Structure formats: C-alpha cells, structure tokens
Amino acid sequence: MFYLKFTKLAFKNLTKLDPETGIAILSAISKLTHHPQDVGKPLTGELKGKFRLRVGDYRVIYEILNDLVIILQMGHRREIYG
C-alpha cells in the first residue's frame, strides 16, 4: 500500500479546478495507492524519474519514493509541461 502526499502547488491547483474535474482527478489519484508505477506513464527528459497520470485533458505529475506517492502538480495538458 502506498500513501499519498500533495505538494502545496498540487493542492492549490486542485482547489482551482471546477468541482467535476476535481472529483475525476481525485478518483484517478486514489488508484495510485496500489501499484502507482503501473497506473501512470514514466516521463522522460527533464522530468525523468517522475510519472504522469492522464485524466481527460488534465495531467497529474507524481513521483514515487519508497511507500509514498508525492503528487507534485496537476493542470491542463497544455500548461503542465511548460
């Protein structure tokens, strides 16, 4: 079992989303508590070592440290990687 932790930036981004999108993202994030490396896709380049979770047009960037999944940031796909 993995534990979830949100950075301040990720939590702030979550609170700015409309309720429907926020609920969809939280539902997808809850799946990260079991085998998070199988749920998301590994990233390359500057974000190597991190993973992304796709939720419609939104992306959640996270990293795995031991039994902890740290949600680094989330946002619309056109803004998240910039």
N, C-alpha and C. Protein backbone atom coordinates (compact mmCIF):
# COMPACT_ATOMS: atom_id res chain seq x y z
N MET A 1 0.85 -1.19 0.00
CA MET A 1 0.00 0.00 0.00
C MET A 1 0.89 1.25 0.00
N PHE A 2 0.54 2.19 -0.83
CA PHE A 2 1.27 3.45 -0.92
C PHE A 2 0.43 4.56 -0.29
N TYR A 3 1.11 5.53 0.29
CA TYR A 3 0.45 6.69 0.88
C TYR A 3 0.59 7.87 -0.08
N LEU A 4 -0.40 8.75 -0.06
CA LEU A 4 -0.40 9.91 -0.94
C LEU A 4 -0.03 11.16 -0.17
N LYS A 5 0.74 12.03 -0.82
CA LYS A 5 1.08 13.33 -0.25
C LYS A 5 1.02 14.35 -1.37
N PHE A 6 0.38 15.47 -1.12
CA PHE A 6 0.25 16.55 -2.09
C PHE A 6 1.24 17.66 -1.74
N THR A 7 1.91 18.20 -2.76
CA THR A 7 2.70 19.41 -2.53
C THR A 7 1.73 20.58 -2.42
N LYS A 8 2.20 21.70 -1.91
CA LYS A 8 1.35 22.89 -1.81
C LYS A 8 0.86 23.33 -3.18
N LEU A 9 1.73 23.24 -4.19
CA LEU A 9 1.36 23.62 -5.55
C LEU A 9 0.25 22.72 -6.09
N ALA A 10 0.39 21.41 -5.87
CA ALA A 10 -0.62 20.47 -6.36
C ALA A 10 -1.97 20.72 -5.68
N PHE A 11 -1.94 20.95 -4.37
CA PHE A 11 -3.18 21.20 -3.65
C PHE A 11 -3.83 22.50 -4.12
N LYS A 12 -3.03 23.52 -4.34
CA LYS A 12 -3.54 24.80 -4.83
C LYS A 12 -4.16 24.64 -6.21
N ASN A 13 -3.50 23.89 -7.09
CA ASN A 13 -4.04 23.65 -8.43
C ASN A 13 -5.35 22.87 -8.36
N LEU A 14 -5.44 21.92 -7.45
CA LEU A 14 -6.65 21.13 -7.30
C LEU A 14 -7.83 22.00 -6.87
N THR A 15 -7.60 22.93 -5.96
CA THR A 15 -8.68 23.77 -5.46
C THR A 15 -9.18 24.76 -6.52
N LYS A 16 -8.37 25.03 -7.53
CA LYS A 16 -8.77 25.97 -8.59
C LYS A 16 -9.63 25.31 -9.67
N LEU A 17 -9.67 23.99 -9.70
CA LEU A 17 -10.43 23.28 -10.73
C LEU A 17 -11.92 23.32 -10.44
N ASP A 18 -12.71 23.16 -11.50
CA ASP A 18 -14.15 23.06 -11.29
C ASP A 18 -14.43 21.74 -10.55
N PRO A 19 -15.53 21.68 -9.79
CA PRO A 19 -15.79 20.50 -8.95
C PRO A 19 -15.82 19.18 -9.71
N GLU A 20 -16.40 19.15 -10.89
CA GLU A 20 -16.49 17.90 -11.65
C GLU A 20 -15.11 17.38 -12.03
N THR A 21 -14.24 18.26 -12.49
CA THR A 21 -12.89 17.87 -12.87
C THR A 21 -12.09 17.46 -11.63
N GLY A 22 -12.25 18.21 -10.55
CA GLY A 22 -11.56 17.89 -9.31
C GLY A 22 -11.91 16.50 -8.79
N ILE A 23 -13.18 16.15 -8.85
CA ILE A 23 -13.61 14.83 -8.39
C ILE A 23 -13.04 13.74 -9.30
N ALA A 24 -13.02 13.97 -10.59
CA ALA A 24 -12.46 12.99 -11.54
C ALA A 24 -10.97 12.77 -11.26
N ILE A 25 -10.25 13.85 -11.00
CA ILE A 25 -8.82 13.74 -10.72
C ILE A 25 -8.58 13.03 -9.40
N LEU A 26 -9.35 13.35 -8.37
CA LEU A 26 -9.18 12.67 -7.08
C LEU A 26 -9.49 11.19 -7.20
N SER A 27 -10.48 10.85 -7.98
CA SER A 27 -10.81 9.45 -8.20
C SER A 27 -9.65 8.72 -8.87
N ALA A 28 -9.04 9.35 -9.87
CA ALA A 28 -7.90 8.74 -10.56
C ALA A 28 -6.69 8.64 -9.63
N ILE A 29 -6.46 9.67 -8.82
CA ILE A 29 -5.33 9.67 -7.89
C ILE A 29 -5.48 8.56 -6.85
N SER A 30 -6.70 8.25 -6.45
CA SER A 30 -6.91 7.21 -5.44
C SER A 30 -6.40 5.85 -5.93
N LYS A 31 -6.33 5.66 -7.24
CA LYS A 31 -5.82 4.40 -7.79
C LYS A 31 -4.31 4.27 -7.62
N LEU A 32 -3.64 5.36 -7.26
CA LEU A 32 -2.19 5.33 -7.09
C LEU A 32 -1.76 4.65 -5.80
N THR A 33 -2.70 4.34 -4.91
CA THR A 33 -2.32 3.71 -3.64
C THR A 33 -1.92 2.25 -3.82
N HIS A 34 -2.24 1.67 -4.97
CA HIS A 34 -1.85 0.29 -5.28
C HIS A 34 -1.12 0.29 -6.62
N HIS A 35 0.14 -0.05 -6.63
CA HIS A 35 0.96 -0.16 -7.83
C HIS A 35 0.96 1.13 -8.68
N PRO A 36 1.42 2.24 -8.12
CA PRO A 36 1.40 3.51 -8.86
C PRO A 36 2.26 3.51 -10.12
N GLN A 37 3.27 2.67 -10.17
CA GLN A 37 4.12 2.62 -11.35
C GLN A 37 3.38 1.99 -12.54
N ASP A 38 2.32 1.22 -12.27
CA ASP A 38 1.55 0.60 -13.35
C ASP A 38 0.40 1.49 -13.83
N VAL A 39 0.00 2.46 -13.02
CA VAL A 39 -1.14 3.32 -13.35
C VAL A 39 -0.71 4.44 -14.29
N GLY A 40 0.40 5.08 -13.98
CA GLY A 40 0.85 6.22 -14.77
C GLY A 40 1.89 5.82 -15.79
N LYS A 41 2.33 6.80 -16.55
CA LYS A 41 3.34 6.59 -17.59
C LYS A 41 4.63 7.30 -17.16
N PRO A 42 5.78 6.62 -17.25
CA PRO A 42 7.05 7.27 -16.90
C PRO A 42 7.35 8.42 -17.86
N LEU A 43 7.90 9.48 -17.31
CA LEU A 43 8.25 10.64 -18.12
C LEU A 43 9.73 10.61 -18.49
N THR A 44 10.09 11.37 -19.49
CA THR A 44 11.48 11.43 -19.95
C THR A 44 11.96 12.87 -19.91
N GLY A 45 13.19 13.07 -20.31
CA GLY A 45 13.76 14.42 -20.37
C GLY A 45 13.97 15.00 -18.98
N GLU A 46 13.60 16.26 -18.82
CA GLU A 46 13.78 16.95 -17.54
C GLU A 46 12.98 16.32 -16.41
N LEU A 47 11.90 15.64 -16.76
CA LEU A 47 11.03 15.03 -15.75
C LEU A 47 11.31 13.53 -15.58
N LYS A 48 12.46 13.08 -16.01
CA LYS A 48 12.81 11.67 -15.89
C LYS A 48 12.78 11.25 -14.41
N GLY A 49 12.21 10.10 -14.16
CA GLY A 49 12.07 9.61 -12.79
C GLY A 49 10.71 9.92 -12.19
N LYS A 50 9.94 10.71 -12.91
CA LYS A 50 8.59 11.06 -12.47
C LYS A 50 7.58 10.38 -13.39
N PHE A 51 6.33 10.41 -12.99
CA PHE A 51 5.27 9.76 -13.76
C PHE A 51 4.17 10.77 -14.03
N ARG A 52 3.34 10.47 -15.04
CA ARG A 52 2.18 11.29 -15.30
C ARG A 52 0.96 10.41 -15.34
N LEU A 53 -0.13 10.97 -14.86
CA LEU A 53 -1.42 10.31 -14.87
C LEU A 53 -2.35 11.15 -15.72
N ARG A 54 -2.96 10.55 -16.71
CA ARG A 54 -3.85 11.28 -17.61
C ARG A 54 -5.28 11.16 -17.13
N VAL A 55 -5.93 12.32 -17.00
CA VAL A 55 -7.35 12.37 -16.64
C VAL A 55 -8.01 13.33 -17.63
N GLY A 56 -8.48 12.80 -18.73
CA GLY A 56 -9.05 13.65 -19.79
C GLY A 56 -7.98 14.57 -20.34
N ASP A 57 -8.24 15.88 -20.34
CA ASP A 57 -7.26 16.86 -20.80
C ASP A 57 -6.32 17.33 -19.70
N TYR A 58 -6.44 16.74 -18.53
CA TYR A 58 -5.62 17.14 -17.39
C TYR A 58 -4.55 16.09 -17.10
N ARG A 59 -3.45 16.55 -16.54
CA ARG A 59 -2.35 15.66 -16.19
C ARG A 59 -1.99 15.86 -14.73
N VAL A 60 -1.61 14.76 -14.10
CA VAL A 60 -1.12 14.78 -12.73
C VAL A 60 0.31 14.27 -12.79
N ILE A 61 1.26 15.05 -12.28
CA ILE A 61 2.66 14.67 -12.26
C ILE A 61 2.98 14.21 -10.84
N TYR A 62 3.57 13.01 -10.73
CA TYR A 62 3.88 12.48 -9.40
C TYR A 62 5.19 11.71 -9.43
N GLU A 63 5.74 11.49 -8.24
CA GLU A 63 6.92 10.65 -8.11
C GLU A 63 6.71 9.66 -6.98
N ILE A 64 7.44 8.58 -7.03
CA ILE A 64 7.30 7.50 -6.06
C ILE A 64 8.59 7.43 -5.24
N LEU A 65 8.45 7.53 -3.93
CA LEU A 65 9.58 7.39 -3.02
C LEU A 65 9.21 6.36 -1.96
N ASN A 66 9.83 5.18 -2.04
CA ASN A 66 9.53 4.07 -1.14
C ASN A 66 8.04 3.75 -1.16
N ASP A 67 7.34 3.98 -0.04
CA ASP A 67 5.89 3.70 0.01
C ASP A 67 5.06 4.98 -0.05
N LEU A 68 5.64 6.03 -0.61
CA LEU A 68 4.99 7.34 -0.67
C LEU A 68 4.86 7.80 -2.12
N VAL A 69 3.66 8.22 -2.50
CA VAL A 69 3.44 8.82 -3.81
C VAL A 69 3.23 10.31 -3.59
N ILE A 70 4.13 11.11 -4.13
CA ILE A 70 4.05 12.55 -3.95
C ILE A 70 3.46 13.16 -5.21
N ILE A 71 2.30 13.80 -5.05
CA ILE A 71 1.64 14.49 -6.15
C ILE A 71 2.31 15.85 -6.27
N LEU A 72 3.06 16.06 -7.34
CA LEU A 72 3.86 17.28 -7.50
C LEU A 72 3.06 18.44 -8.05
N GLN A 73 2.30 18.19 -9.11
CA GLN A 73 1.49 19.24 -9.70
C GLN A 73 0.43 18.63 -10.60
N MET A 74 -0.55 19.43 -10.94
CA MET A 74 -1.60 18.99 -11.85
C MET A 74 -2.12 20.19 -12.59
N GLY A 75 -2.65 19.94 -13.78
CA GLY A 75 -3.20 21.03 -14.57
C GLY A 75 -3.54 20.56 -15.97
N HIS A 76 -4.01 21.49 -16.77
CA HIS A 76 -4.37 21.20 -18.16
C HIS A 76 -3.12 20.80 -18.92
N ARG A 77 -3.27 19.91 -19.86
CA ARG A 77 -2.12 19.34 -20.56
C ARG A 77 -1.28 20.40 -21.30
N ARG A 78 -1.91 21.47 -21.75
CA ARG A 78 -1.15 22.49 -22.49
C ARG A 78 -0.32 23.36 -21.56
N GLU A 79 -0.60 23.32 -20.26
CA GLU A 79 0.12 24.16 -19.30
C GLU A 79 1.08 23.39 -18.39
N ILE A 80 0.88 22.11 -18.24
CA ILE A 80 1.56 21.36 -17.20
C ILE A 80 3.05 21.13 -17.49
N TYR A 81 3.42 20.98 -18.72
CA TYR A 81 4.81 20.65 -19.05
C TYR A 81 5.68 21.87 -19.30
N GLY A 82 5.12 23.04 -19.34
CA GLY A 82 5.85 24.25 -19.69
C GLY A 82 6.65 24.86 -18.67
